[in-house]
Amino acid sequence: MSDKKEFWRWKEYRWHDEAKDWKAADIVSAGVDIGSVSSQAVIMLDGELFAFSNQRTGFDSPESANKAIIWAMEGTGMTLDDIHFSVGTGYGRVNVPFADKAITEIACHARGGNFMYGSSVRTILDMGGQDCKAIRCDERGKVEAFLMNDKCAAGTGRGMEVFADLLSVPIEDVGEMSLSVEKEPEPVSSTCVVFAKSEASALLREGWPKTKVLAAYCSAMAHRVVTLLERIEVEKDFAITGGIGKNSGVVKRIEKELGLEALTTTYDSQIAGALGGALFGMALEKKRRK
């Protein structure tokens, strides 16, 4: 077994609110977002966040879904039978074995973003592991329009993981390191992660410091995403969901190009899709009971 450090590997985690009693809730709903890179499960009690988990997606979507929800329930005394309505979303949404319904990640991120950032949100950028989505929504979190980038890892979470490993930089440190340069370098290739990786390797051989190479890649990623956003016409207020939303180097460069500051939230930006799924689950359970 190799002892090589995996710099791309981010920390998996879970949380639940110990102050809440799920047995007192009228409706317990869940959303499970199976992405190409990460999977999240969210449990809500009458529309309030109770528990969530965030972990790496495995090779088997049903197994990833089961692991995510079981981990979210860990330590709560809850079982799957205690959840009234579950929604599957994300890349593997049709493969969530216990889901009562599958809903697109576009709809779930809009609904989750509305909950996390407030009803003023009109444009949501979901920066996921495999693709990026620009979503325009109304005050209720209902999708009005959306655009997606092509299926290339450049400009996505997976592309960032590739770069972290190439440069032997922990992925959590990439954003801040990229902002430590005195002068912004020219971006590397933003259309293909293979080309970007090759270009970055060449720059390292030329003597570029890692911070400068990271700045060039974060700049390229930001520019590619802004091009997508401009096609959908960004409206205030603007929010970012997904794992890359935690990368300050990309976020600050997006804000600079747009001339807009992204909204902030106390919620974890990576659970937006699963959170939206749980909110849909609550609404659908209410409808079912009528």
Protein backbone atom coordinates (compact mmCIF):
# COMPACT_ATOMS: atom_id res chain seq x y z
CA MET A 1 0.00 0.00 0.00
CA SER A 2 1.31 3.45 -0.95
CA ASP A 3 1.99 5.90 1.89
CA LYS A 4 1.83 8.87 -0.51
CA LYS A 5 -0.19 11.71 0.99
CA GLU A 6 -3.41 12.44 -0.87
CA PHE A 7 -3.45 16.24 -0.89
CA TRP A 8 -6.79 16.35 -2.70
CA ARG A 9 -8.60 14.46 0.06
CA TRP A 10 -10.84 16.80 2.02
CA LYS A 11 -12.16 16.05 5.50
CA GLU A 12 -15.50 14.25 5.75
CA TYR A 13 -17.80 15.35 8.55
CA ARG A 14 -21.25 15.14 10.11
CA TRP A 15 -23.34 17.20 12.57
CA HIS A 16 -26.62 17.06 14.43
CA ASP A 17 -28.40 19.46 16.77
CA GLU A 18 -28.39 17.81 20.17
CA ALA A 19 -30.85 20.39 21.49
CA LYS A 20 -33.63 19.20 19.16
CA ASP A 21 -35.89 16.22 19.83
CA TRP A 22 -36.80 14.59 16.53
CA LYS A 23 -39.58 12.59 18.22
CA ALA A 24 -41.47 15.83 18.87
CA ALA A 25 -41.49 16.79 15.17
CA ASP A 26 -44.64 16.50 13.08
CA ILE A 27 -42.70 15.96 9.84
CA VAL A 28 -39.21 14.49 9.58
CA SER A 29 -37.89 14.93 6.03
CA ALA A 30 -34.60 14.08 4.38
CA GLY A 31 -32.68 15.05 1.27
CA VAL A 32 -29.78 13.02 -0.11
CA ASP A 33 -27.56 14.60 -2.75
CA ILE A 34 -25.39 12.03 -4.55
CA GLY A 35 -22.82 13.98 -6.52
CA SER A 36 -20.02 12.72 -8.73
CA VAL A 37 -17.43 13.61 -6.07
CA SER A 38 -19.26 14.09 -2.76
CA SER A 39 -22.54 13.01 -1.16
CA GLN A 40 -24.57 14.87 1.44
CA ALA A 41 -27.56 13.83 3.52
CA VAL A 42 -29.72 16.37 5.38
CA ILE A 43 -32.47 15.69 7.91
CA MET A 44 -34.98 18.40 8.81
CA LEU A 45 -37.59 18.59 11.57
CA ASP A 46 -40.64 20.58 10.48
CA GLY A 47 -38.44 22.56 8.11
CA GLU A 48 -35.57 23.20 10.55
CA LEU A 49 -32.10 21.73 10.07
CA PHE A 50 -31.46 18.83 12.44
CA ALA A 51 -28.57 16.78 11.03
CA PHE A 52 -26.32 16.39 8.02
CA SER A 53 -23.35 14.45 6.71
CA ASN A 54 -20.84 15.17 3.96
CA GLN A 55 -18.60 12.43 2.58
CA ARG A 56 -16.88 11.16 -0.54
CA THR A 57 -19.09 9.46 -3.13
CA GLY A 58 -18.12 5.84 -3.70
CA PHE A 59 -18.34 3.75 -6.86
CA ASP A 60 -21.86 2.58 -5.97
CA SER A 61 -24.57 5.29 -5.76
CA PRO A 62 -27.07 3.27 -3.67
CA GLU A 63 -24.34 2.38 -1.19
CA SER A 64 -23.17 6.02 -1.05
CA ALA A 65 -26.75 7.11 -0.34
CA ASN A 66 -27.16 4.58 2.45
CA LYS A 67 -23.84 5.53 4.04
CA ALA A 68 -24.67 9.24 3.88
CA ILE A 69 -28.07 8.98 5.57
CA ILE A 70 -26.88 6.45 8.18
CA TRP A 71 -23.97 8.72 9.11
CA ALA A 72 -26.31 11.73 9.35
CA MET A 73 -28.52 9.77 11.76
CA GLU A 74 -25.59 8.53 13.85
CA GLY A 75 -26.03 9.26 17.55
CA THR A 76 -29.61 10.52 17.14
CA GLY A 77 -31.44 7.24 17.84
CA MET A 78 -33.24 7.70 14.54
CA THR A 79 -33.71 5.04 11.84
CA LEU A 80 -34.87 5.28 8.23
CA ASP A 81 -38.36 4.25 9.33
CA ASP A 82 -38.60 7.47 11.35
CA ILE A 83 -38.23 9.66 8.25
CA HIS A 84 -41.61 10.50 6.72
CA PHE A 85 -40.42 11.60 3.26
CA SER A 86 -37.02 11.36 1.56
CA VAL A 87 -35.89 13.02 -1.67
CA GLY A 88 -32.94 11.93 -3.81
CA THR A 89 -31.10 14.54 -5.85
CA GLY A 90 -27.78 15.05 -7.62
CA TYR A 91 -25.89 12.95 -10.15
CA GLY A 92 -27.13 9.68 -8.60
CA ARG A 93 -30.63 10.80 -7.59
CA VAL A 94 -32.41 7.88 -9.28
CA ASN A 95 -30.24 5.43 -7.34
CA VAL A 96 -31.20 6.47 -3.80
CA PRO A 97 -32.91 3.23 -2.67
CA PHE A 98 -35.01 4.69 0.15
CA ALA A 99 -36.09 7.91 -1.65
CA ASP A 100 -39.81 8.57 -2.09
CA LYS A 101 -39.06 10.89 -5.01
CA ALA A 102 -36.13 12.05 -7.18
CA ILE A 103 -35.79 15.79 -7.93
CA THR A 104 -33.15 17.52 -10.06
CA GLU A 105 -30.19 19.19 -8.38
CA ILE A 106 -31.08 22.43 -10.20
CA ALA A 107 -34.42 22.66 -8.36
CA CYS A 108 -32.91 21.50 -5.05
CA HIS A 109 -30.02 23.96 -5.10
CA ALA A 110 -32.42 26.81 -5.85
CA ARG A 111 -34.69 25.82 -2.96
CA GLY A 112 -31.76 25.15 -0.61
CA GLY A 113 -30.03 28.38 -1.60
CA ASN A 114 -33.23 30.30 -0.89
CA PHE A 115 -33.36 28.78 2.61
CA MET A 116 -29.66 29.34 3.35
CA TYR A 117 -29.20 32.84 1.95
CA GLY A 118 -32.71 34.30 2.16
CA SER A 119 -35.55 35.14 -0.18
CA SER A 120 -33.64 38.03 -1.80
CA VAL A 121 -31.40 35.57 -3.72
CA ARG A 122 -31.95 35.75 -7.48
CA THR A 123 -28.79 34.13 -8.89
CA ILE A 124 -27.18 30.97 -7.52
CA LEU A 125 -23.91 29.49 -8.74
CA ASP A 126 -23.54 25.81 -7.86
CA MET A 127 -19.88 24.82 -8.23
CA GLY A 128 -19.91 21.05 -7.95
CA GLY A 129 -17.48 18.20 -8.46
CA GLN A 130 -18.31 17.51 -12.10
CA ASP A 131 -20.03 20.63 -13.44
CA CYS A 132 -21.09 24.17 -12.67
CA LYS A 133 -24.63 25.49 -12.84
CA ALA A 134 -25.83 29.08 -13.02
CA ILE A 135 -29.41 29.28 -11.70
CA ARG A 136 -31.84 32.19 -11.67
CA CYS A 137 -34.71 31.88 -9.19
CA ASP A 138 -37.59 33.84 -7.69
CA GLU A 139 -38.26 34.86 -4.08
CA ARG A 140 -39.57 31.37 -3.25
CA GLY A 141 -36.52 29.57 -4.60
CA LYS A 142 -38.32 28.43 -7.76
CA VAL A 143 -36.09 28.04 -10.84
CA GLU A 144 -36.72 30.57 -13.61
CA ALA A 145 -33.71 29.77 -15.83
CA PHE A 146 -30.42 27.88 -15.67
CA LEU A 147 -27.27 27.06 -17.63
CA MET A 148 -24.63 24.35 -17.14
CA ASN A 149 -21.02 24.17 -18.28
CA ASP A 150 -19.76 21.24 -20.34
CA LYS A 151 -18.64 17.97 -18.77
CA CYS A 152 -14.98 18.80 -18.28
CA ALA A 153 -13.26 18.77 -14.90
CA ALA A 154 -11.68 22.19 -15.54
CA GLY A 155 -13.66 24.70 -13.51
CA THR A 156 -15.03 22.09 -11.09
CA GLY A 157 -14.23 20.56 -7.73
CA ARG A 158 -12.55 17.56 -9.31
CA GLY A 159 -10.29 19.83 -11.33
CA MET A 160 -9.24 21.58 -8.13
CA GLU A 161 -8.47 18.22 -6.53
CA VAL A 162 -6.21 17.33 -9.47
CA PHE A 163 -4.29 20.58 -9.01
CA ALA A 164 -3.96 20.16 -5.25
CA ASP A 165 -2.40 16.74 -5.78
CA LEU A 166 -0.15 17.95 -8.60
CA LEU A 167 1.28 20.73 -6.44
CA SER A 168 1.26 18.74 -3.17
CA VAL A 169 -0.87 21.41 -1.49
CA PRO A 170 -3.71 20.43 0.89
CA ILE A 171 -6.93 21.30 -0.91
CA GLU A 172 -8.16 23.35 2.07
CA ASP A 173 -5.13 25.68 1.63
CA VAL A 174 -5.43 26.26 -2.13
CA GLY A 175 -7.66 29.35 -1.97
CA GLU A 176 -5.66 31.37 0.55
CA MET A 177 -2.33 30.40 -1.01
CA SER A 178 -3.55 31.57 -4.42
CA LEU A 179 -4.34 35.01 -2.94
CA SER A 180 -0.84 35.49 -1.51
CA VAL A 181 0.71 36.52 -4.86
CA GLU A 182 1.82 40.13 -5.30
CA LYS A 183 0.70 40.30 -8.94
CA GLU A 184 -2.03 38.27 -10.63
CA PRO A 185 -0.53 35.98 -13.33
CA GLU A 186 -2.11 35.10 -16.65
CA PRO A 187 -4.67 32.28 -16.27
CA VAL A 188 -3.78 28.75 -17.36
CA SER A 189 -6.06 26.76 -19.68
CA SER A 190 -9.68 26.86 -18.50
CA THR A 191 -11.17 24.52 -21.09
CA CYS A 192 -9.49 21.21 -20.21
CA VAL A 193 -7.99 19.98 -16.96
CA VAL A 194 -5.47 17.82 -18.88
CA PHE A 195 -4.14 20.88 -20.73
CA ALA A 196 -4.20 22.94 -17.52
CA LYS A 197 -2.23 20.26 -15.66
CA SER A 198 0.34 20.05 -18.47
CA GLU A 199 0.68 23.83 -18.56
CA ALA A 200 1.05 24.03 -14.79
CA SER A 201 3.79 21.36 -14.83
CA ALA A 202 5.67 23.39 -17.43
CA LEU A 203 5.36 26.56 -15.33
CA LEU A 204 6.73 24.73 -12.29
CA ARG A 205 9.72 23.58 -14.36
CA GLU A 206 10.27 27.21 -15.36
CA GLY A 207 10.57 28.10 -11.68
CA TRP A 208 7.11 29.48 -10.91
CA PRO A 209 6.29 29.20 -7.19
CA LYS A 210 3.29 27.08 -6.26
CA THR A 211 1.35 30.16 -5.12
CA LYS A 212 1.64 31.72 -8.59
CA VAL A 213 0.54 28.52 -10.35
CA LEU A 214 -2.43 28.21 -8.00
CA ALA A 215 -3.34 31.85 -8.65
CA ALA A 216 -3.24 31.18 -12.41
CA TYR A 217 -5.56 28.19 -12.07
CA CYS A 218 -8.00 29.85 -9.65
CA SER A 219 -8.12 32.83 -12.00
CA ALA A 220 -8.87 30.56 -14.96
CA MET A 221 -11.60 28.76 -13.03
CA ALA A 222 -13.18 32.04 -11.93
CA HIS A 223 -13.15 33.47 -15.45
CA ARG A 224 -14.75 30.34 -16.90
CA VAL A 225 -17.54 30.47 -14.34
CA VAL A 226 -18.13 34.21 -14.84
CA THR A 227 -18.56 33.59 -18.57
CA LEU A 228 -21.31 31.10 -17.71
CA LEU A 229 -22.95 33.52 -15.28
CA GLU A 230 -22.91 36.38 -17.80
CA ARG A 231 -24.81 34.21 -20.27
CA ILE A 232 -27.68 33.87 -17.80
CA GLU A 233 -27.43 37.56 -16.78
CA VAL A 234 -26.55 37.78 -13.10
CA GLU A 235 -29.13 39.46 -10.90
CA LYS A 236 -28.69 40.55 -7.28
CA ASP A 237 -28.59 38.99 -4.80
CA PHE A 238 -25.91 36.48 -5.77
CA ALA A 239 -24.90 33.33 -3.83
CA ILE A 240 -22.53 30.40 -4.33
CA THR A 241 -23.24 26.81 -3.31
CA GLY A 242 -21.12 23.66 -3.55
CA GLY A 243 -17.64 22.76 -2.37
CA ILE A 244 -15.77 25.34 -4.46
CA GLY A 245 -17.82 27.99 -2.67
CA LYS A 246 -15.41 27.41 0.24
CA ASN A 247 -12.38 28.28 -1.91
CA SER A 248 -11.67 31.95 -1.21
CA GLY A 249 -9.24 32.19 -4.12
CA VAL A 250 -11.94 31.34 -6.65
CA VAL A 251 -14.77 33.21 -4.89
CA LYS A 252 -12.87 36.49 -4.56
CA ARG A 253 -11.84 36.38 -8.21
CA ILE A 254 -15.44 35.71 -9.29
CA GLU A 255 -16.58 38.67 -7.19
CA LYS A 256 -13.93 40.91 -8.72
CA GLU A 257 -14.89 40.01 -12.31
CA LEU A 258 -18.61 40.42 -11.63
CA GLY A 259 -18.26 43.54 -9.53
CA LEU A 260 -20.54 41.85 -6.97
CA GLU A 261 -20.03 40.42 -3.51
CA ALA A 262 -21.48 36.95 -2.95
CA LEU A 263 -23.81 36.57 0.01
CA THR A 264 -22.50 34.74 3.07
CA THR A 265 -24.30 32.28 5.32
CA THR A 266 -23.76 30.40 8.57
CA TYR A 267 -24.88 27.21 6.81
CA ASP A 268 -22.46 24.88 5.02
CA SER A 269 -22.58 25.80 1.31
CA GLN A 270 -21.97 22.17 0.37
CA ILE A 271 -25.28 20.89 1.76
CA ALA A 272 -27.51 23.20 -0.33
CA GLY A 273 -28.74 20.46 -2.67
CA ALA A 274 -29.58 17.98 0.08
CA LEU A 275 -31.15 20.77 2.12
CA GLY A 276 -33.37 21.70 -0.82
CA GLY A 277 -34.32 18.04 -1.17
CA ALA A 278 -35.36 17.87 2.48
CA LEU A 279 -37.47 21.02 2.05
CA PHE A 280 -39.19 19.49 -0.96
CA GLY A 281 -39.69 16.35 1.13
CA MET A 282 -41.50 18.31 3.84
CA ALA A 283 -43.79 20.00 1.29
CA LEU A 284 -44.56 16.69 -0.43
CA GLU A 285 -45.32 15.00 2.90
CA LYS A 286 -47.75 17.80 3.77
CA LYS A 287 -49.42 17.35 0.39
CA ARG A 288 -49.62 13.58 0.91
CA ARG A 289 -51.39 14.03 4.25
CA LYS A 290 -54.16 16.24 2.84
